[in-house]
Amino acid sequence: MVSPSAKRVLEIEVDPDRQWVRDGNPVPDDMGLSGADVRCFSHGDIAAPAASGTALRRGMVIVPCSMGTLGRIASGVSMNLVDRAADVCLKERRRMVAVIRETPLSRVHVQNMLAVTEAGGIILPAAPGFYHRPEGIEQLLDHVSAKVLDCLDVPHDIIERWGGA
């Protein structure tokens, strides 16, 4: 799922010339994704499998998670597929990871983060560690990506573990 706002972020921060969304649906090939396991759905498709608790999945990650999306999740208001899929994860007690990057935070933001956490969600600020002495932006991004995968219990070897394996 790629929201209209996420599409704009991808254009600004990654590549304005790539086609991230076509006819309302994400374009997996242009995102570096491919294969039978990749399914894309329109941001407005509330009949997609992710909108139902009967569709089994490990959980979901919202990257980046805007404070508007977080507020809707915190209050249980589903206005699109991202909101609804997050709501389903929380009600089904599945992992829902919101990767926030807003700064500074207002009291409302902090209250919404607390509400999502109390509902079973995980708030993961896009704040990489520096103790591993990164040599470039790729290692900073890898650190945050590894933390996301750890939240979903997905095995990986993206980063070196503190104290070994």
N, C-alpha and C. Protein backbone atom coordinates (compact mmCIF):
# COMPACT_ATOMS: atom_id res chain seq x y z
N MET A 1 0.85 -1.17 0.00
CA MET A 1 0.00 0.00 0.00
C MET A 1 0.89 1.23 0.00
N VAL A 2 0.60 2.13 -0.85
CA VAL A 2 1.33 3.40 -0.87
C VAL A 2 0.28 4.50 -0.88
N SER A 3 0.22 5.27 0.18
CA SER A 3 -0.74 6.36 0.25
C SER A 3 -0.31 7.48 -0.69
N PRO A 4 -1.23 8.37 -1.05
CA PRO A 4 -0.84 9.52 -1.88
C PRO A 4 0.28 10.35 -1.23
N SER A 5 0.22 10.49 0.10
CA SER A 5 1.28 11.24 0.79
C SER A 5 2.61 10.49 0.72
N ALA A 6 2.57 9.17 0.89
CA ALA A 6 3.81 8.37 0.81
C ALA A 6 4.39 8.44 -0.60
N LYS A 7 3.53 8.44 -1.61
CA LYS A 7 3.99 8.57 -2.99
C LYS A 7 4.76 9.88 -3.15
N ARG A 8 4.24 10.94 -2.58
CA ARG A 8 4.90 12.24 -2.68
C ARG A 8 6.24 12.22 -1.95
N VAL A 9 6.29 11.58 -0.78
CA VAL A 9 7.55 11.47 -0.03
C VAL A 9 8.57 10.70 -0.87
N LEU A 10 8.15 9.60 -1.49
CA LEU A 10 9.06 8.82 -2.34
C LEU A 10 9.60 9.66 -3.49
N GLU A 11 8.74 10.47 -4.09
CA GLU A 11 9.18 11.32 -5.19
C GLU A 11 10.19 12.36 -4.72
N ILE A 12 9.94 12.96 -3.57
CA ILE A 12 10.82 14.02 -3.06
C ILE A 12 12.13 13.44 -2.53
N GLU A 13 12.05 12.35 -1.78
CA GLU A 13 13.23 11.87 -1.06
C GLU A 13 13.99 10.76 -1.75
N VAL A 14 13.35 10.06 -2.68
CA VAL A 14 14.04 8.93 -3.31
C VAL A 14 14.30 9.20 -4.79
N ASP A 15 13.23 9.32 -5.58
CA ASP A 15 13.42 9.50 -7.02
C ASP A 15 12.14 10.03 -7.65
N PRO A 16 12.18 11.28 -8.12
CA PRO A 16 10.97 11.86 -8.71
C PRO A 16 10.61 11.25 -10.07
N ASP A 17 11.55 10.56 -10.70
CA ASP A 17 11.31 10.03 -12.04
C ASP A 17 10.78 8.60 -12.06
N ARG A 18 10.75 7.93 -10.92
CA ARG A 18 10.22 6.56 -10.86
C ARG A 18 8.70 6.61 -10.75
N GLN A 19 8.09 5.59 -11.30
CA GLN A 19 6.63 5.50 -11.19
C GLN A 19 6.29 4.63 -9.98
N TRP A 20 5.98 5.27 -8.88
CA TRP A 20 5.72 4.57 -7.63
C TRP A 20 4.31 3.99 -7.59
N VAL A 21 3.36 4.69 -8.24
CA VAL A 21 1.96 4.26 -8.25
C VAL A 21 1.43 4.41 -9.66
N ARG A 22 0.69 3.38 -10.12
CA ARG A 22 0.05 3.42 -11.43
C ARG A 22 -1.41 3.01 -11.23
N ASP A 23 -2.33 3.83 -11.69
CA ASP A 23 -3.77 3.55 -11.55
C ASP A 23 -4.16 3.30 -10.10
N GLY A 24 -3.54 4.02 -9.16
CA GLY A 24 -3.87 3.89 -7.75
C GLY A 24 -3.18 2.74 -7.03
N ASN A 25 -2.42 1.91 -7.78
CA ASN A 25 -1.75 0.76 -7.17
C ASN A 25 -0.24 0.95 -7.17
N PRO A 26 0.43 0.52 -6.09
CA PRO A 26 1.89 0.58 -6.08
C PRO A 26 2.48 -0.26 -7.21
N VAL A 27 3.63 0.15 -7.71
CA VAL A 27 4.32 -0.56 -8.78
C VAL A 27 5.52 -1.27 -8.17
N PRO A 28 5.39 -2.59 -7.89
CA PRO A 28 6.46 -3.30 -7.16
C PRO A 28 7.81 -3.27 -7.85
N ASP A 29 7.85 -3.41 -9.16
CA ASP A 29 9.13 -3.44 -9.87
C ASP A 29 9.92 -2.15 -9.66
N ASP A 30 9.23 -1.03 -9.65
CA ASP A 30 9.91 0.25 -9.46
C ASP A 30 10.31 0.48 -8.01
N MET A 31 9.83 -0.37 -7.10
CA MET A 31 10.21 -0.27 -5.69
C MET A 31 11.28 -1.28 -5.34
N GLY A 32 11.77 -2.00 -6.35
CA GLY A 32 12.78 -3.01 -6.08
C GLY A 32 12.19 -4.29 -5.53
N LEU A 33 10.89 -4.45 -5.67
CA LEU A 33 10.20 -5.65 -5.18
C LEU A 33 9.73 -6.48 -6.38
N SER A 34 9.73 -7.77 -6.23
CA SER A 34 9.20 -8.63 -7.27
C SER A 34 8.91 -10.00 -6.69
N GLY A 35 8.26 -10.81 -7.46
CA GLY A 35 7.99 -12.17 -7.03
C GLY A 35 6.53 -12.41 -6.70
N ALA A 36 6.20 -13.66 -6.54
CA ALA A 36 4.82 -14.07 -6.29
C ALA A 36 4.32 -13.63 -4.92
N ASP A 37 5.23 -13.35 -3.99
CA ASP A 37 4.82 -12.97 -2.64
C ASP A 37 4.46 -11.49 -2.52
N VAL A 38 4.67 -10.72 -3.58
CA VAL A 38 4.40 -9.29 -3.53
C VAL A 38 3.02 -9.03 -4.13
N ARG A 39 2.14 -8.49 -3.29
CA ARG A 39 0.81 -8.09 -3.74
C ARG A 39 0.62 -6.64 -3.37
N CYS A 40 0.11 -5.86 -4.29
CA CYS A 40 -0.07 -4.44 -4.05
C CYS A 40 -1.55 -4.08 -4.11
N PHE A 41 -1.92 -3.14 -3.26
CA PHE A 41 -3.31 -2.73 -3.19
C PHE A 41 -3.39 -1.22 -3.15
N SER A 42 -4.47 -0.71 -3.72
CA SER A 42 -4.73 0.72 -3.70
C SER A 42 -4.98 1.19 -2.29
N HIS A 43 -4.55 2.39 -2.01
CA HIS A 43 -4.74 3.04 -0.71
C HIS A 43 -6.22 3.11 -0.34
N GLY A 44 -7.07 3.17 -1.34
CA GLY A 44 -8.51 3.27 -1.09
C GLY A 44 -9.25 1.95 -1.12
N ASP A 45 -8.55 0.85 -1.33
CA ASP A 45 -9.19 -0.46 -1.49
C ASP A 45 -9.49 -1.09 -0.13
N ILE A 46 -10.61 -0.72 0.47
CA ILE A 46 -10.93 -1.25 1.80
C ILE A 46 -11.47 -2.68 1.73
N ALA A 47 -11.55 -3.26 0.52
CA ALA A 47 -11.93 -4.67 0.38
C ALA A 47 -10.69 -5.56 0.22
N ALA A 48 -9.50 -4.97 0.32
CA ALA A 48 -8.25 -5.75 0.21
C ALA A 48 -8.14 -6.70 1.41
N PRO A 49 -7.40 -7.80 1.27
CA PRO A 49 -7.27 -8.76 2.37
C PRO A 49 -6.81 -8.14 3.69
N ALA A 50 -5.94 -7.15 3.63
CA ALA A 50 -5.42 -6.54 4.86
C ALA A 50 -6.51 -5.86 5.69
N ALA A 51 -7.68 -5.62 5.08
CA ALA A 51 -8.78 -4.97 5.78
C ALA A 51 -9.60 -5.95 6.61
N SER A 52 -9.25 -7.23 6.56
CA SER A 52 -10.02 -8.24 7.28
C SER A 52 -9.13 -9.05 8.22
N GLY A 53 -9.64 -9.34 9.39
CA GLY A 53 -8.92 -10.16 10.35
C GLY A 53 -8.80 -11.61 9.92
N THR A 54 -9.61 -12.04 8.95
CA THR A 54 -9.52 -13.42 8.50
C THR A 54 -8.33 -13.66 7.58
N ALA A 55 -7.74 -12.59 7.08
CA ALA A 55 -6.53 -12.72 6.24
C ALA A 55 -5.34 -12.78 7.17
N LEU A 56 -4.73 -13.95 7.27
CA LEU A 56 -3.62 -14.12 8.20
C LEU A 56 -2.35 -13.46 7.69
N ARG A 57 -1.69 -12.78 8.57
CA ARG A 57 -0.38 -12.19 8.28
C ARG A 57 0.31 -11.93 9.61
N ARG A 58 1.60 -11.76 9.54
CA ARG A 58 2.40 -11.57 10.75
C ARG A 58 2.13 -10.22 11.38
N GLY A 59 1.91 -9.22 10.57
CA GLY A 59 1.68 -7.87 11.07
C GLY A 59 1.87 -6.87 9.95
N MET A 60 2.13 -5.64 10.32
CA MET A 60 2.36 -4.61 9.31
C MET A 60 3.30 -3.55 9.86
N VAL A 61 3.91 -2.86 8.92
CA VAL A 61 4.81 -1.75 9.24
C VAL A 61 4.35 -0.56 8.41
N ILE A 62 4.25 0.58 9.03
CA ILE A 62 3.92 1.81 8.32
C ILE A 62 5.18 2.66 8.32
N VAL A 63 5.74 2.86 7.12
CA VAL A 63 6.99 3.59 6.97
C VAL A 63 6.87 4.61 5.83
N PRO A 64 7.03 5.88 6.07
CA PRO A 64 6.99 6.51 7.38
C PRO A 64 5.55 6.64 7.84
N CYS A 65 5.36 6.73 9.12
CA CYS A 65 4.02 6.90 9.69
C CYS A 65 3.86 8.36 10.08
N SER A 66 2.97 9.04 9.36
CA SER A 66 2.73 10.45 9.67
C SER A 66 1.97 10.57 10.99
N MET A 67 2.01 11.72 11.57
CA MET A 67 1.28 11.96 12.81
C MET A 67 -0.22 11.93 12.55
N GLY A 68 -0.66 12.27 11.34
CA GLY A 68 -2.07 12.16 10.99
C GLY A 68 -2.53 10.71 10.97
N THR A 69 -1.73 9.85 10.34
CA THR A 69 -2.05 8.41 10.33
C THR A 69 -2.02 7.86 11.74
N LEU A 70 -1.01 8.22 12.50
CA LEU A 70 -0.91 7.75 13.88
C LEU A 70 -2.13 8.18 14.70
N GLY A 71 -2.58 9.42 14.51
CA GLY A 71 -3.75 9.92 15.22
C GLY A 71 -5.01 9.15 14.87
N ARG A 72 -5.17 8.83 13.59
CA ARG A 72 -6.34 8.04 13.19
C ARG A 72 -6.28 6.63 13.79
N ILE A 73 -5.10 6.03 13.79
CA ILE A 73 -4.95 4.70 14.38
C ILE A 73 -5.24 4.76 15.87
N ALA A 74 -4.71 5.77 16.55
CA ALA A 74 -4.90 5.92 18.00
C ALA A 74 -6.36 6.06 18.37
N SER A 75 -7.13 6.71 17.49
CA SER A 75 -8.55 6.94 17.80
C SER A 75 -9.47 5.91 17.17
N GLY A 76 -8.91 4.97 16.40
CA GLY A 76 -9.73 3.93 15.79
C GLY A 76 -10.53 4.40 14.59
N VAL A 77 -10.08 5.47 13.95
CA VAL A 77 -10.77 6.00 12.78
C VAL A 77 -10.07 5.49 11.53
N SER A 78 -10.79 4.73 10.71
CA SER A 78 -10.21 4.16 9.48
C SER A 78 -10.78 4.88 8.27
N MET A 79 -9.93 5.68 7.64
CA MET A 79 -10.38 6.43 6.47
C MET A 79 -9.81 5.87 5.17
N ASN A 80 -8.91 4.88 5.27
CA ASN A 80 -8.29 4.31 4.08
C ASN A 80 -7.75 2.93 4.44
N LEU A 81 -7.12 2.27 3.50
CA LEU A 81 -6.65 0.90 3.73
C LEU A 81 -5.53 0.85 4.77
N VAL A 82 -4.66 1.82 4.79
CA VAL A 82 -3.57 1.82 5.78
C VAL A 82 -4.16 1.89 7.19
N ASP A 83 -5.07 2.82 7.41
CA ASP A 83 -5.72 2.96 8.72
C ASP A 83 -6.44 1.67 9.10
N ARG A 84 -7.21 1.11 8.16
CA ARG A 84 -8.00 -0.08 8.44
C ARG A 84 -7.10 -1.28 8.73
N ALA A 85 -6.03 -1.45 7.94
CA ALA A 85 -5.12 -2.58 8.16
C ALA A 85 -4.45 -2.47 9.52
N ALA A 86 -4.10 -1.27 9.94
CA ALA A 86 -3.51 -1.07 11.27
C ALA A 86 -4.54 -1.40 12.35
N ASP A 87 -5.76 -0.96 12.16
CA ASP A 87 -6.83 -1.25 13.10
C ASP A 87 -7.05 -2.76 13.23
N VAL A 88 -7.01 -3.46 12.10
CA VAL A 88 -7.17 -4.92 12.11
C VAL A 88 -6.02 -5.57 12.88
N CYS A 89 -4.80 -5.13 12.63
CA CYS A 89 -3.65 -5.70 13.35
C CYS A 89 -3.83 -5.54 14.85
N LEU A 90 -4.24 -4.38 15.28
CA LEU A 90 -4.39 -4.14 16.72
C LEU A 90 -5.52 -4.99 17.30
N LYS A 91 -6.66 -5.06 16.60
CA LYS A 91 -7.77 -5.83 17.16
C LYS A 91 -7.51 -7.32 17.15
N GLU A 92 -6.69 -7.79 16.21
CA GLU A 92 -6.35 -9.21 16.12
C GLU A 92 -5.10 -9.55 16.93
N ARG A 93 -4.55 -8.54 17.62
CA ARG A 93 -3.34 -8.71 18.44
C ARG A 93 -2.14 -9.14 17.62
N ARG A 94 -2.03 -8.56 16.41
CA ARG A 94 -0.87 -8.80 15.56
C ARG A 94 0.06 -7.59 15.67
N ARG A 95 1.27 -7.77 15.24
CA ARG A 95 2.25 -6.69 15.33
C ARG A 95 1.87 -5.55 14.38
N MET A 96 1.90 -4.35 14.90
CA MET A 96 1.68 -3.16 14.08
C MET A 96 2.78 -2.18 14.49
N VAL A 97 3.69 -1.94 13.56
CA VAL A 97 4.84 -1.09 13.82
C VAL A 97 4.67 0.23 13.07
N ALA A 98 4.72 1.32 13.79
CA ALA A 98 4.62 2.65 13.19
C ALA A 98 5.99 3.30 13.28
N VAL A 99 6.62 3.49 12.13
CA VAL A 99 7.95 4.11 12.07
C VAL A 99 7.73 5.61 11.89
N ILE A 100 7.84 6.32 13.00
CA ILE A 100 7.61 7.77 12.98
C ILE A 100 8.93 8.50 12.76
N ARG A 101 8.83 9.69 12.22
CA ARG A 101 10.05 10.49 12.06
C ARG A 101 9.80 11.97 12.29
N GLU A 102 8.63 12.29 12.77
CA GLU A 102 8.30 13.68 13.08
C GLU A 102 9.17 14.16 14.23
N THR A 103 9.58 15.39 14.16
CA THR A 103 10.32 15.99 15.26
C THR A 103 10.26 17.50 15.12
N PRO A 104 10.09 18.23 16.18
CA PRO A 104 9.80 17.78 17.54
C PRO A 104 8.37 17.27 17.63
N LEU A 105 8.06 16.71 18.78
CA LEU A 105 6.74 16.13 19.01
C LEU A 105 5.91 17.03 19.90
N SER A 106 4.62 17.12 19.57
CA SER A 106 3.70 17.86 20.44
C SER A 106 3.12 16.91 21.48
N ARG A 107 2.44 17.46 22.43
CA ARG A 107 1.79 16.64 23.45
C ARG A 107 0.77 15.70 22.79
N VAL A 108 0.06 16.17 21.79
CA VAL A 108 -0.92 15.33 21.08
C VAL A 108 -0.21 14.15 20.44
N HIS A 109 0.94 14.37 19.81
CA HIS A 109 1.70 13.27 19.20
C HIS A 109 2.08 12.23 20.24
N VAL A 110 2.60 12.69 21.38
CA VAL A 110 3.02 11.78 22.45
C VAL A 110 1.82 11.01 23.00
N GLN A 111 0.69 11.68 23.16
CA GLN A 111 -0.51 11.00 23.64
C GLN A 111 -0.98 9.94 22.64
N ASN A 112 -0.90 10.26 21.36
CA ASN A 112 -1.29 9.28 20.33
C ASN A 112 -0.33 8.09 20.31
N MET A 113 0.97 8.35 20.50
CA MET A 113 1.93 7.25 20.58
C MET A 113 1.63 6.36 21.78
N LEU A 114 1.28 6.97 22.90
CA LEU A 114 0.93 6.19 24.10
C LEU A 114 -0.33 5.36 23.83
N ALA A 115 -1.33 5.96 23.21
CA ALA A 115 -2.58 5.25 22.92
C ALA A 115 -2.33 4.05 22.01
N VAL A 116 -1.52 4.23 20.97
CA VAL A 116 -1.21 3.12 20.06
C VAL A 116 -0.41 2.05 20.79
N THR A 117 0.53 2.45 21.63
CA THR A 117 1.32 1.49 22.40
C THR A 117 0.42 0.71 23.36
N GLU A 118 -0.48 1.40 24.04
CA GLU A 118 -1.39 0.73 24.96
C GLU A 118 -2.34 -0.22 24.22
N ALA A 119 -2.62 0.06 22.95
CA ALA A 119 -3.48 -0.81 22.14
C ALA A 119 -2.71 -2.01 21.58
N GLY A 120 -1.38 -2.04 21.81
CA GLY A 120 -0.58 -3.16 21.35
C GLY A 120 0.36 -2.85 20.20
N GLY A 121 0.34 -1.62 19.72
CA GLY A 121 1.23 -1.23 18.63
C GLY A 121 2.64 -0.95 19.12
N ILE A 122 3.54 -0.88 18.18
CA ILE A 122 4.95 -0.58 18.49
C ILE A 122 5.30 0.72 17.78
N ILE A 123 5.79 1.67 18.54
CA ILE A 123 6.27 2.93 17.97
C ILE A 123 7.77 2.81 17.81
N LEU A 124 8.24 2.95 16.59
CA LEU A 124 9.67 2.82 16.30
C LEU A 124 10.14 4.10 15.61
N PRO A 125 10.72 5.02 16.37
CA PRO A 125 11.23 6.23 15.72
C PRO A 125 12.34 5.89 14.72
N ALA A 126 12.34 6.55 13.61
CA ALA A 126 13.38 6.34 12.59
C ALA A 126 14.66 7.02 13.06
N ALA A 127 15.18 6.53 14.16
CA ALA A 127 16.36 7.11 14.79
C ALA A 127 17.43 6.03 14.88
N PRO A 128 18.38 6.02 13.95
CA PRO A 128 19.41 4.98 13.97
C PRO A 128 20.37 5.14 15.12
N GLY A 129 20.98 4.03 15.50
CA GLY A 129 22.04 4.08 16.50
C GLY A 129 23.35 4.50 15.86
N PHE A 130 24.26 4.96 16.67
CA PHE A 130 25.57 5.37 16.18
C PHE A 130 26.70 4.61 16.83
N TYR A 131 26.36 3.72 17.77
CA TYR A 131 27.39 2.96 18.48
C TYR A 131 28.15 2.01 17.57
N HIS A 132 27.57 1.66 16.43
CA HIS A 132 28.26 0.78 15.49
C HIS A 132 29.15 1.56 14.51
N ARG A 133 29.26 2.85 14.74
CA ARG A 133 30.10 3.75 13.95
C ARG A 133 29.83 3.65 12.44
N PRO A 134 28.63 4.04 12.03
CA PRO A 134 28.27 3.94 10.61
C PRO A 134 29.17 4.81 9.75
N GLU A 135 29.46 4.29 8.57
CA GLU A 135 30.33 5.01 7.64
C GLU A 135 29.55 5.76 6.57
N GLY A 136 28.25 5.56 6.53
CA GLY A 136 27.45 6.23 5.52
C GLY A 136 25.97 6.07 5.79
N ILE A 137 25.18 6.71 4.94
CA ILE A 137 23.73 6.70 5.12
C ILE A 137 23.15 5.30 5.00
N GLU A 138 23.73 4.46 4.15
CA GLU A 138 23.23 3.09 3.98
C GLU A 138 23.25 2.32 5.31
N GLN A 139 24.31 2.48 6.07
CA GLN A 139 24.40 1.79 7.36
C GLN A 139 23.40 2.35 8.37
N LEU A 140 23.09 3.63 8.27
CA LEU A 140 22.07 4.23 9.14
C LEU A 140 20.69 3.66 8.78
N LEU A 141 20.42 3.58 7.48
CA LEU A 141 19.14 3.01 7.03
C LEU A 141 19.05 1.53 7.39
N ASP A 142 20.15 0.81 7.25
CA ASP A 142 20.17 -0.61 7.61
C ASP A 142 19.83 -0.81 9.08
N HIS A 143 20.34 0.08 9.93
CA HIS A 143 20.09 -0.04 11.37
C HIS A 143 18.59 0.06 11.67
N VAL A 144 17.93 1.05 11.08
CA VAL A 144 16.48 1.21 11.30
C VAL A 144 15.72 0.03 10.68
N SER A 145 16.12 -0.40 9.48
CA SER A 145 15.47 -1.54 8.84
C SER A 145 15.60 -2.80 9.68
N ALA A 146 16.76 -3.01 10.26
CA ALA A 146 16.98 -4.18 11.12
C ALA A 146 16.08 -4.13 12.34
N LYS A 147 15.92 -2.95 12.92
CA LYS A 147 15.04 -2.81 14.08
C LYS A 147 13.59 -3.13 13.70
N VAL A 148 13.16 -2.71 12.52
CA VAL A 148 11.81 -3.03 12.04
C VAL A 148 11.64 -4.54 11.92
N LEU A 149 12.59 -5.19 11.27
CA LEU A 149 12.51 -6.65 11.10
C LEU A 149 12.53 -7.36 12.45
N ASP A 150 13.32 -6.86 13.39
CA ASP A 150 13.34 -7.44 14.73
C ASP A 150 11.96 -7.35 15.39
N CYS A 151 11.27 -6.24 15.19
CA CYS A 151 9.93 -6.08 15.78
C CYS A 151 8.95 -7.12 15.26
N LEU A 152 9.17 -7.58 14.03
CA LEU A 152 8.30 -8.59 13.42
C LEU A 152 8.84 -10.00 13.56
N ASP A 153 9.95 -10.16 14.29
CA ASP A 153 10.60 -11.47 14.45
C ASP A 153 11.00 -12.08 13.12
N VAL A 154 11.46 -11.24 12.20
CA VAL A 154 11.94 -11.71 10.90
C VAL A 154 13.46 -11.84 10.99
N PRO A 155 13.97 -13.06 10.81
CA PRO A 155 15.43 -13.24 10.88
C PRO A 155 16.14 -12.46 9.77
N HIS A 156 17.31 -11.94 10.10
CA HIS A 156 18.10 -11.20 9.12
C HIS A 156 19.55 -11.13 9.60
N ASP A 157 20.41 -10.71 8.68
CA ASP A 157 21.80 -10.47 9.04
C ASP A 157 22.24 -9.10 8.52
N ILE A 158 21.31 -8.16 8.59
CA ILE A 158 21.57 -6.81 8.07
C ILE A 158 22.62 -6.10 8.90
N ILE A 159 22.54 -6.27 10.21
CA ILE A 159 23.48 -5.59 11.10
C ILE A 159 24.20 -6.61 11.96
N GLU A 160 25.33 -6.21 12.49
CA GLU A 160 26.06 -7.04 13.43
C GLU A 160 25.42 -6.85 14.81
N ARG A 161 25.11 -7.95 15.47
CA ARG A 161 24.49 -7.90 16.78
C ARG A 161 25.49 -7.48 17.85
N TRP A 162 25.00 -6.72 18.79
CA TRP A 162 25.84 -6.30 19.91
C TRP A 162 26.22 -7.52 20.72
N GLY A 163 27.49 -7.70 20.95
CA GLY A 163 27.96 -8.85 21.70
C GLY A 163 27.97 -10.15 20.93
N GLY A 164 27.84 -10.07 19.59
CA GLY A 164 27.87 -11.28 18.77
C GLY A 164 26.48 -11.74 18.36
N ALA A 165 26.41 -12.95 17.84
CA ALA A 165 25.16 -13.46 17.28
C ALA A 165 24.10 -13.65 18.28
